[in-house]
Amino acid sequence: MRRRKALKKFFFSASLYWLSGLAGLTGMGCRATSMGLSPTARGEVVVNSLRCEYLTDPIGIDTPAPRLSWVIQSNKRGVRQTAYQILASSSRQKLANQIGDLWNSGKISSQQSVQVVYGGKTLLSGQDCFWKVRVWDQNGRRSEWSEPARWSMGLLQPTDWTAR
């Protein structure tokens, strides 16, 4: 009986390890850990599928206040977002250093994860914007930051067009 339980535990652990490795190979945005389990396999919330105006890393957005969206994932049932924070920067390096020179929303208590209107500094024609999100779940646990995403602004004013 003990041997059967030990074998069951071993195969369960091996299956989780294999599945977490598979998830990491399929580009699900999960990072490996020292335990060999992805954040979603450990029951943590992961933020991914960042979109701006329903597009992934779009070029030439023509609205001064683009709408941002993301998806949360967890292997636990009933996980929901209760708050979020968006960080937007003018460069990838500033974003990596947690500098939101365009917008730091701070912690916003909201379940909204679709069509969140950009609320930072006025965006200029041709400007690049790099952004990331983190969320809090119903138990107050904060996720890690999402992988960075970006968008670039199109030409917003008729005077921005120059041609001969």
N, C-alpha and C. Protein backbone atom coordinates (compact mmCIF):
# COMPACT_ATOMS: atom_id res chain seq x y z
N MET A 1 0.82 -1.19 0.00
CA MET A 1 0.00 0.00 0.00
C MET A 1 0.87 1.27 0.00
N ARG A 2 1.90 1.29 0.86
CA ARG A 2 2.80 2.45 0.89
C ARG A 2 3.52 2.60 -0.45
N ARG A 3 3.92 1.49 -1.01
CA ARG A 3 4.63 1.52 -2.28
C ARG A 3 3.74 2.11 -3.37
N ARG A 4 2.47 1.72 -3.37
CA ARG A 4 1.52 2.22 -4.36
C ARG A 4 1.36 3.74 -4.22
N LYS A 5 1.24 4.24 -2.99
CA LYS A 5 1.11 5.68 -2.75
C LYS A 5 2.37 6.42 -3.19
N ALA A 6 3.53 5.83 -2.91
CA ALA A 6 4.80 6.45 -3.30
C ALA A 6 4.90 6.52 -4.82
N LEU A 7 4.52 5.45 -5.50
CA LEU A 7 4.55 5.45 -6.97
C LEU A 7 3.57 6.47 -7.54
N LYS A 8 2.38 6.56 -6.96
CA LYS A 8 1.39 7.52 -7.40
C LYS A 8 1.93 8.95 -7.27
N LYS A 9 2.53 9.24 -6.13
CA LYS A 9 3.10 10.57 -5.87
C LYS A 9 4.21 10.87 -6.87
N PHE A 10 5.07 9.86 -7.12
CA PHE A 10 6.16 10.05 -8.07
C PHE A 10 5.63 10.37 -9.46
N PHE A 11 4.65 9.60 -9.95
CA PHE A 11 4.13 9.82 -11.29
C PHE A 11 3.38 11.15 -11.39
N PHE A 12 2.70 11.56 -10.33
CA PHE A 12 2.02 12.84 -10.33
C PHE A 12 3.04 13.98 -10.43
N SER A 13 4.10 13.89 -9.63
CA SER A 13 5.15 14.92 -9.65
C SER A 13 5.84 14.96 -11.01
N ALA A 14 6.13 13.78 -11.55
CA ALA A 14 6.79 13.72 -12.86
C ALA A 14 5.89 14.30 -13.94
N SER A 15 4.59 14.05 -13.86
CA SER A 15 3.64 14.58 -14.84
C SER A 15 3.59 16.09 -14.77
N LEU A 16 3.54 16.66 -13.56
CA LEU A 16 3.53 18.12 -13.41
C LEU A 16 4.81 18.73 -13.97
N TYR A 17 5.93 18.09 -13.70
CA TYR A 17 7.20 18.60 -14.20
C TYR A 17 7.20 18.59 -15.72
N TRP A 18 6.72 17.48 -16.30
CA TRP A 18 6.69 17.36 -17.75
C TRP A 18 5.76 18.40 -18.36
N LEU A 19 4.57 18.57 -17.77
CA LEU A 19 3.62 19.54 -18.28
C LEU A 19 4.14 20.97 -18.17
N SER A 20 4.83 21.28 -17.07
CA SER A 20 5.35 22.64 -16.93
C SER A 20 6.44 22.89 -17.96
N GLY A 21 7.24 21.89 -18.26
CA GLY A 21 8.25 22.03 -19.30
C GLY A 21 7.61 22.20 -20.66
N LEU A 22 6.54 21.48 -20.91
CA LEU A 22 5.82 21.58 -22.17
C LEU A 22 5.23 22.97 -22.33
N ALA A 23 4.64 23.50 -21.26
CA ALA A 23 4.07 24.84 -21.31
C ALA A 23 5.15 25.86 -21.63
N GLY A 24 6.33 25.69 -21.07
CA GLY A 24 7.43 26.62 -21.33
C GLY A 24 7.89 26.56 -22.78
N LEU A 25 7.81 25.38 -23.41
CA LEU A 25 8.24 25.23 -24.79
C LEU A 25 7.22 25.75 -25.78
N THR A 26 5.97 25.81 -25.41
CA THR A 26 4.94 26.22 -26.34
C THR A 26 4.75 27.73 -26.37
N GLY A 27 5.58 28.47 -25.67
CA GLY A 27 5.51 29.93 -25.73
C GLY A 27 4.33 30.51 -24.97
N MET A 28 3.92 29.91 -23.90
CA MET A 28 2.79 30.39 -23.12
C MET A 28 3.19 31.56 -22.22
N GLY A 29 4.43 32.01 -22.30
CA GLY A 29 4.86 33.13 -21.49
C GLY A 29 5.22 32.73 -20.07
N CYS A 30 5.39 31.45 -19.81
CA CYS A 30 5.71 30.99 -18.46
C CYS A 30 7.21 30.87 -18.31
N ARG A 31 7.71 31.27 -17.17
CA ARG A 31 9.14 31.16 -16.91
C ARG A 31 9.41 29.98 -16.00
N ALA A 32 10.53 29.30 -16.25
CA ALA A 32 10.91 28.18 -15.39
C ALA A 32 11.40 28.70 -14.06
N THR A 33 11.26 27.89 -13.04
CA THR A 33 11.73 28.27 -11.71
C THR A 33 12.68 27.21 -11.21
N SER A 34 13.24 27.45 -10.05
CA SER A 34 14.16 26.48 -9.47
C SER A 34 13.44 25.17 -9.16
N MET A 35 12.12 25.22 -8.93
CA MET A 35 11.36 24.00 -8.67
C MET A 35 11.00 23.29 -9.96
N GLY A 36 11.21 23.91 -11.11
CA GLY A 36 10.86 23.31 -12.38
C GLY A 36 9.40 23.50 -12.75
N LEU A 37 8.65 24.27 -11.99
CA LEU A 37 7.24 24.49 -12.28
C LEU A 37 7.02 25.92 -12.76
N SER A 38 6.16 26.06 -13.74
CA SER A 38 5.82 27.39 -14.24
C SER A 38 4.93 28.09 -13.21
N PRO A 39 4.82 29.42 -13.31
CA PRO A 39 3.95 30.14 -12.36
C PRO A 39 2.51 29.63 -12.39
N THR A 40 1.98 29.32 -13.58
CA THR A 40 0.60 28.83 -13.61
C THR A 40 0.49 27.45 -12.98
N ALA A 41 1.52 26.61 -13.12
CA ALA A 41 1.49 25.29 -12.48
C ALA A 41 1.54 25.41 -10.96
N ARG A 42 2.14 26.50 -10.45
CA ARG A 42 2.18 26.73 -9.00
C ARG A 42 0.92 27.43 -8.50
N GLY A 43 0.00 27.73 -9.41
CA GLY A 43 -1.24 28.39 -9.01
C GLY A 43 -1.16 29.90 -9.00
N GLU A 44 -0.09 30.46 -9.50
CA GLU A 44 0.03 31.91 -9.55
C GLU A 44 -0.70 32.46 -10.77
N VAL A 45 -1.01 33.73 -10.72
CA VAL A 45 -1.65 34.40 -11.84
C VAL A 45 -0.57 34.94 -12.77
N VAL A 46 -0.76 34.73 -14.06
CA VAL A 46 0.18 35.21 -15.07
C VAL A 46 -0.60 36.12 -16.02
N VAL A 47 -0.02 37.26 -16.36
CA VAL A 47 -0.65 38.21 -17.28
C VAL A 47 0.05 38.07 -18.62
N ASN A 48 -0.76 37.89 -19.69
CA ASN A 48 -0.17 37.80 -21.02
C ASN A 48 -1.16 38.30 -22.06
N SER A 49 -0.84 38.11 -23.32
CA SER A 49 -1.68 38.54 -24.46
C SER A 49 -2.00 40.02 -24.39
N LEU A 50 -0.99 40.85 -24.17
CA LEU A 50 -1.19 42.29 -24.12
C LEU A 50 -1.53 42.80 -25.52
N ARG A 51 -2.55 43.65 -25.57
CA ARG A 51 -2.99 44.20 -26.86
C ARG A 51 -3.29 45.69 -26.71
N CYS A 52 -3.06 46.39 -27.80
CA CYS A 52 -3.39 47.81 -27.89
C CYS A 52 -4.35 47.95 -29.07
N GLU A 53 -5.52 48.50 -28.83
CA GLU A 53 -6.56 48.60 -29.86
C GLU A 53 -6.79 47.24 -30.54
N TYR A 54 -6.83 46.19 -29.74
CA TYR A 54 -7.09 44.81 -30.16
C TYR A 54 -5.97 44.19 -31.00
N LEU A 55 -4.83 44.85 -31.09
CA LEU A 55 -3.72 44.37 -31.91
C LEU A 55 -2.50 44.09 -31.04
N THR A 56 -1.67 43.14 -31.45
CA THR A 56 -0.43 42.83 -30.76
C THR A 56 0.68 43.69 -31.35
N ASP A 57 1.33 44.50 -30.51
CA ASP A 57 2.43 45.38 -30.90
C ASP A 57 2.14 46.17 -32.19
N PRO A 58 1.04 46.92 -32.22
CA PRO A 58 0.66 47.62 -33.45
C PRO A 58 1.55 48.82 -33.77
N ILE A 59 1.58 49.13 -35.04
CA ILE A 59 2.33 50.29 -35.54
C ILE A 59 1.33 51.26 -36.15
N GLY A 60 1.44 52.53 -35.80
CA GLY A 60 0.60 53.56 -36.42
C GLY A 60 -0.77 53.72 -35.79
N ILE A 61 -0.87 53.65 -34.47
CA ILE A 61 -2.14 53.87 -33.79
C ILE A 61 -2.54 55.34 -33.97
N ASP A 62 -3.78 55.57 -34.38
CA ASP A 62 -4.18 56.94 -34.72
C ASP A 62 -5.14 57.58 -33.72
N THR A 63 -5.22 57.04 -32.53
CA THR A 63 -6.05 57.64 -31.50
C THR A 63 -5.16 58.14 -30.36
N PRO A 64 -5.41 59.33 -29.85
CA PRO A 64 -4.55 59.88 -28.80
C PRO A 64 -4.63 59.15 -27.47
N ALA A 65 -5.70 58.37 -27.26
CA ALA A 65 -5.84 57.60 -26.02
C ALA A 65 -6.21 56.16 -26.38
N PRO A 66 -5.19 55.37 -26.75
CA PRO A 66 -5.48 53.99 -27.16
C PRO A 66 -6.03 53.16 -26.02
N ARG A 67 -6.75 52.10 -26.37
CA ARG A 67 -7.34 51.19 -25.39
C ARG A 67 -6.46 49.94 -25.28
N LEU A 68 -6.18 49.55 -24.05
CA LEU A 68 -5.27 48.45 -23.76
C LEU A 68 -6.05 47.27 -23.18
N SER A 69 -5.58 46.05 -23.48
CA SER A 69 -6.23 44.84 -22.98
C SER A 69 -5.19 43.80 -22.64
N TRP A 70 -5.57 42.85 -21.77
CA TRP A 70 -4.70 41.74 -21.40
C TRP A 70 -5.55 40.57 -20.93
N VAL A 71 -4.88 39.43 -20.77
CA VAL A 71 -5.54 38.20 -20.32
C VAL A 71 -4.79 37.70 -19.10
N ILE A 72 -5.53 37.21 -18.10
CA ILE A 72 -4.87 36.57 -16.95
C ILE A 72 -5.08 35.06 -17.05
N GLN A 73 -4.08 34.32 -16.60
CA GLN A 73 -4.13 32.86 -16.60
C GLN A 73 -3.74 32.33 -15.23
N SER A 74 -4.39 31.24 -14.84
CA SER A 74 -4.03 30.52 -13.63
C SER A 74 -4.61 29.12 -13.76
N ASN A 75 -3.96 28.16 -13.12
CA ASN A 75 -4.52 26.81 -13.17
C ASN A 75 -5.53 26.58 -12.05
N LYS A 76 -5.71 27.56 -11.20
CA LYS A 76 -6.72 27.46 -10.14
C LYS A 76 -8.06 27.96 -10.68
N ARG A 77 -9.12 27.36 -10.22
CA ARG A 77 -10.46 27.77 -10.62
C ARG A 77 -10.90 29.01 -9.85
N GLY A 78 -11.69 29.84 -10.52
CA GLY A 78 -12.29 30.98 -9.85
C GLY A 78 -11.37 32.15 -9.60
N VAL A 79 -10.19 32.15 -10.19
CA VAL A 79 -9.28 33.28 -10.00
C VAL A 79 -9.80 34.47 -10.79
N ARG A 80 -9.83 35.61 -10.14
CA ARG A 80 -10.27 36.82 -10.83
C ARG A 80 -9.40 37.99 -10.44
N GLN A 81 -9.32 38.93 -11.33
CA GLN A 81 -8.56 40.16 -11.12
C GLN A 81 -9.39 41.12 -10.29
N THR A 82 -8.75 41.73 -9.30
CA THR A 82 -9.44 42.75 -8.50
C THR A 82 -8.79 44.13 -8.66
N ALA A 83 -7.56 44.15 -9.18
CA ALA A 83 -6.85 45.42 -9.38
C ALA A 83 -5.78 45.21 -10.43
N TYR A 84 -5.30 46.30 -11.00
CA TYR A 84 -4.22 46.25 -11.98
C TYR A 84 -3.33 47.48 -11.85
N GLN A 85 -2.15 47.37 -12.45
CA GLN A 85 -1.24 48.51 -12.57
C GLN A 85 -0.60 48.44 -13.95
N ILE A 86 -0.61 49.56 -14.65
CA ILE A 86 0.00 49.66 -15.98
C ILE A 86 1.18 50.61 -15.89
N LEU A 87 2.27 50.20 -16.49
CA LEU A 87 3.47 51.03 -16.58
C LEU A 87 3.76 51.23 -18.06
N ALA A 88 3.86 52.47 -18.51
CA ALA A 88 4.16 52.78 -19.91
C ALA A 88 5.37 53.70 -19.97
N SER A 89 6.30 53.37 -20.86
CA SER A 89 7.57 54.11 -20.96
C SER A 89 7.89 54.43 -22.41
N SER A 90 8.76 55.40 -22.57
CA SER A 90 9.19 55.81 -23.91
C SER A 90 10.32 54.93 -24.45
N SER A 91 10.91 54.08 -23.60
CA SER A 91 11.96 53.17 -24.08
C SER A 91 11.87 51.84 -23.36
N ARG A 92 12.37 50.82 -24.02
CA ARG A 92 12.37 49.48 -23.44
C ARG A 92 13.22 49.44 -22.17
N GLN A 93 14.33 50.17 -22.17
CA GLN A 93 15.22 50.17 -21.01
C GLN A 93 14.56 50.83 -19.79
N LYS A 94 13.88 51.94 -20.00
CA LYS A 94 13.18 52.58 -18.88
C LYS A 94 12.12 51.65 -18.31
N LEU A 95 11.42 50.94 -19.18
CA LEU A 95 10.40 50.01 -18.71
C LEU A 95 11.02 48.88 -17.91
N ALA A 96 12.16 48.38 -18.36
CA ALA A 96 12.86 47.32 -17.63
C ALA A 96 13.31 47.79 -16.25
N ASN A 97 13.58 49.10 -16.13
CA ASN A 97 13.99 49.68 -14.85
C ASN A 97 12.81 50.23 -14.04
N GLN A 98 11.59 49.83 -14.42
CA GLN A 98 10.36 50.22 -13.71
C GLN A 98 10.10 51.72 -13.75
N ILE A 99 10.55 52.40 -14.79
CA ILE A 99 10.32 53.84 -14.93
C ILE A 99 9.18 54.05 -15.91
N GLY A 100 8.06 54.53 -15.41
CA GLY A 100 6.90 54.82 -16.25
C GLY A 100 6.87 56.29 -16.60
N ASP A 101 7.78 56.72 -17.47
CA ASP A 101 7.86 58.15 -17.79
C ASP A 101 6.66 58.63 -18.61
N LEU A 102 5.91 57.73 -19.24
CA LEU A 102 4.69 58.12 -19.94
C LEU A 102 3.45 57.94 -19.06
N TRP A 103 3.44 56.83 -18.29
CA TRP A 103 2.27 56.59 -17.44
C TRP A 103 2.57 55.51 -16.42
N ASN A 104 2.30 55.81 -15.17
CA ASN A 104 2.26 54.81 -14.12
C ASN A 104 0.88 54.95 -13.50
N SER A 105 0.02 54.01 -13.80
CA SER A 105 -1.37 54.12 -13.34
C SER A 105 -1.50 53.98 -11.84
N GLY A 106 -0.47 53.39 -11.19
CA GLY A 106 -0.62 53.05 -9.79
C GLY A 106 -1.61 51.89 -9.70
N LYS A 107 -1.89 51.44 -8.51
CA LYS A 107 -2.82 50.32 -8.33
C LYS A 107 -4.25 50.83 -8.49
N ILE A 108 -4.95 50.29 -9.47
CA ILE A 108 -6.34 50.66 -9.75
C ILE A 108 -7.23 49.49 -9.36
N SER A 109 -8.15 49.70 -8.44
CA SER A 109 -9.09 48.65 -8.05
C SER A 109 -10.13 48.51 -9.15
N SER A 110 -10.01 47.44 -9.93
CA SER A 110 -10.93 47.22 -11.04
C SER A 110 -10.76 45.81 -11.58
N GLN A 111 -11.85 45.23 -12.04
CA GLN A 111 -11.79 43.94 -12.70
C GLN A 111 -11.59 44.10 -14.20
N GLN A 112 -11.58 45.33 -14.69
CA GLN A 112 -11.47 45.60 -16.12
C GLN A 112 -10.11 45.17 -16.66
N SER A 113 -10.13 44.42 -17.75
CA SER A 113 -8.89 44.04 -18.42
C SER A 113 -9.03 44.18 -19.93
N VAL A 114 -10.14 44.76 -20.37
CA VAL A 114 -10.40 44.99 -21.79
C VAL A 114 -10.78 46.45 -21.98
N GLN A 115 -10.20 47.07 -23.00
CA GLN A 115 -10.47 48.47 -23.33
C GLN A 115 -10.18 49.43 -22.19
N VAL A 116 -9.06 49.23 -21.53
CA VAL A 116 -8.61 50.18 -20.50
C VAL A 116 -7.97 51.35 -21.24
N VAL A 117 -8.52 52.52 -21.08
CA VAL A 117 -8.07 53.70 -21.83
C VAL A 117 -6.75 54.22 -21.26
N TYR A 118 -5.78 54.43 -22.15
CA TYR A 118 -4.49 55.01 -21.76
C TYR A 118 -4.75 56.35 -21.07
N GLY A 119 -4.12 56.57 -19.92
CA GLY A 119 -4.36 57.79 -19.16
C GLY A 119 -3.09 58.54 -18.81
N GLY A 120 -2.05 58.38 -19.60
CA GLY A 120 -0.78 59.02 -19.29
C GLY A 120 -0.56 60.33 -20.01
N LYS A 121 0.70 60.67 -20.17
CA LYS A 121 1.08 61.91 -20.86
C LYS A 121 0.56 61.90 -22.29
N THR A 122 0.39 63.09 -22.84
CA THR A 122 -0.06 63.23 -24.22
C THR A 122 0.96 62.57 -25.15
N LEU A 123 0.46 61.72 -26.03
CA LEU A 123 1.33 61.00 -26.96
C LEU A 123 1.51 61.80 -28.24
N LEU A 124 2.71 61.75 -28.78
CA LEU A 124 3.06 62.51 -29.97
C LEU A 124 3.06 61.62 -31.20
N SER A 125 2.91 62.23 -32.35
CA SER A 125 2.97 61.49 -33.60
C SER A 125 4.29 60.75 -33.73
N GLY A 126 4.22 59.50 -34.12
CA GLY A 126 5.41 58.68 -34.33
C GLY A 126 6.08 58.17 -33.06
N GLN A 127 5.52 58.42 -31.92
CA GLN A 127 6.14 58.02 -30.65
C GLN A 127 5.98 56.53 -30.39
N ASP A 128 7.05 55.91 -29.86
CA ASP A 128 7.00 54.52 -29.43
C ASP A 128 6.60 54.46 -27.97
N CYS A 129 5.77 53.49 -27.62
CA CYS A 129 5.34 53.29 -26.24
C CYS A 129 5.56 51.83 -25.88
N PHE A 130 6.23 51.60 -24.78
CA PHE A 130 6.47 50.26 -24.26
C PHE A 130 5.69 50.14 -22.96
N TRP A 131 5.01 49.01 -22.75
CA TRP A 131 4.15 48.90 -21.58
C TRP A 131 4.10 47.48 -21.04
N LYS A 132 3.69 47.39 -19.77
CA LYS A 132 3.49 46.11 -19.12
C LYS A 132 2.44 46.28 -18.03
N VAL A 133 1.93 45.15 -17.56
CA VAL A 133 0.83 45.15 -16.59
C VAL A 133 1.11 44.13 -15.51
N ARG A 134 0.63 44.40 -14.31
CA ARG A 134 0.54 43.38 -13.27
C ARG A 134 -0.84 43.51 -12.64
N VAL A 135 -1.30 42.42 -12.04
CA VAL A 135 -2.65 42.40 -11.47
C VAL A 135 -2.62 41.83 -10.07
N TRP A 136 -3.71 42.07 -9.34
CA TRP A 136 -3.92 41.49 -8.02
C TRP A 136 -5.14 40.60 -8.12
N ASP A 137 -5.09 39.44 -7.45
CA ASP A 137 -6.24 38.54 -7.47
C ASP A 137 -7.16 38.79 -6.28
N GLN A 138 -8.21 37.99 -6.16
CA GLN A 138 -9.21 38.18 -5.11
C GLN A 138 -8.66 37.96 -3.71
N ASN A 139 -7.48 37.35 -3.59
CA ASN A 139 -6.84 37.16 -2.28
C ASN A 139 -5.78 38.21 -1.99
N GLY A 140 -5.69 39.22 -2.85
CA GLY A 140 -4.72 40.29 -2.65
C GLY A 140 -3.31 39.94 -3.10
N ARG A 141 -3.13 38.80 -3.77
CA ARG A 141 -1.80 38.40 -4.25
C ARG A 141 -1.51 39.11 -5.57
N ARG A 142 -0.33 39.68 -5.64
CA ARG A 142 0.10 40.43 -6.83
C ARG A 142 0.84 39.50 -7.78
N SER A 143 0.56 39.62 -9.06
CA SER A 143 1.27 38.84 -10.07
C SER A 143 2.62 39.49 -10.36
N GLU A 144 3.45 38.78 -11.08
CA GLU A 144 4.67 39.37 -11.62
C GLU A 144 4.24 40.29 -12.77
N TRP A 145 5.14 41.17 -13.19
CA TRP A 145 4.86 42.00 -14.36
C TRP A 145 4.74 41.11 -15.59
N SER A 146 3.90 41.49 -16.51
CA SER A 146 3.78 40.79 -17.78
C SER A 146 5.06 41.00 -18.59
N GLU A 147 5.21 40.24 -19.64
CA GLU A 147 6.28 40.52 -20.59
C GLU A 147 5.95 41.86 -21.24
N PRO A 148 6.96 42.64 -21.64
CA PRO A 148 6.68 43.95 -22.24
C PRO A 148 6.01 43.83 -23.61
N ALA A 149 5.19 44.81 -23.90
CA ALA A 149 4.57 44.94 -25.21
C ALA A 149 4.83 46.37 -25.68
N ARG A 150 4.43 46.68 -26.91
CA ARG A 150 4.67 48.03 -27.41
C ARG A 150 3.61 48.42 -28.41
N TRP A 151 3.53 49.69 -28.64
CA TRP A 151 2.78 50.21 -29.78
C TRP A 151 3.47 51.48 -30.21
N SER A 152 3.22 51.90 -31.45
CA SER A 152 3.75 53.18 -31.91
C SER A 152 2.60 54.01 -32.44
N MET A 153 2.74 55.29 -32.26
CA MET A 153 1.70 56.22 -32.69
C MET A 153 1.86 56.54 -34.17
N GLY A 154 0.74 56.73 -34.82
CA GLY A 154 0.74 57.17 -36.21
C GLY A 154 0.85 58.69 -36.26
N LEU A 155 0.51 59.25 -37.38
CA LEU A 155 0.51 60.70 -37.54
C LEU A 155 -0.86 61.21 -37.11
N LEU A 156 -0.88 62.04 -36.09
CA LEU A 156 -2.14 62.43 -35.45
C LEU A 156 -2.73 63.72 -35.99
N GLN A 157 -1.91 64.61 -36.49
CA GLN A 157 -2.37 65.92 -36.96
C GLN A 157 -2.06 66.05 -38.45
N PRO A 158 -2.90 66.77 -39.20
CA PRO A 158 -2.60 67.00 -40.63
C PRO A 158 -1.24 67.66 -40.84
N THR A 159 -0.82 68.48 -39.88
CA THR A 159 0.48 69.17 -40.01
C THR A 159 1.65 68.21 -39.85
N ASP A 160 1.40 67.00 -39.32
CA ASP A 160 2.47 66.02 -39.16
C ASP A 160 2.86 65.37 -40.49
N TRP A 161 1.97 65.47 -41.47
CA TRP A 161 2.25 64.89 -42.78
C TRP A 161 3.15 65.84 -43.55
N THR A 162 4.27 65.34 -44.01
CA THR A 162 5.17 66.17 -44.83
C THR A 162 5.55 65.37 -46.06
N ALA A 163 5.25 65.96 -47.21
CA ALA A 163 5.59 65.32 -48.47
C ALA A 163 5.64 66.39 -49.54
N ARG A 164 6.23 66.03 -50.66
CA ARG A 164 6.26 66.96 -51.80
C ARG A 164 5.52 66.36 -52.94
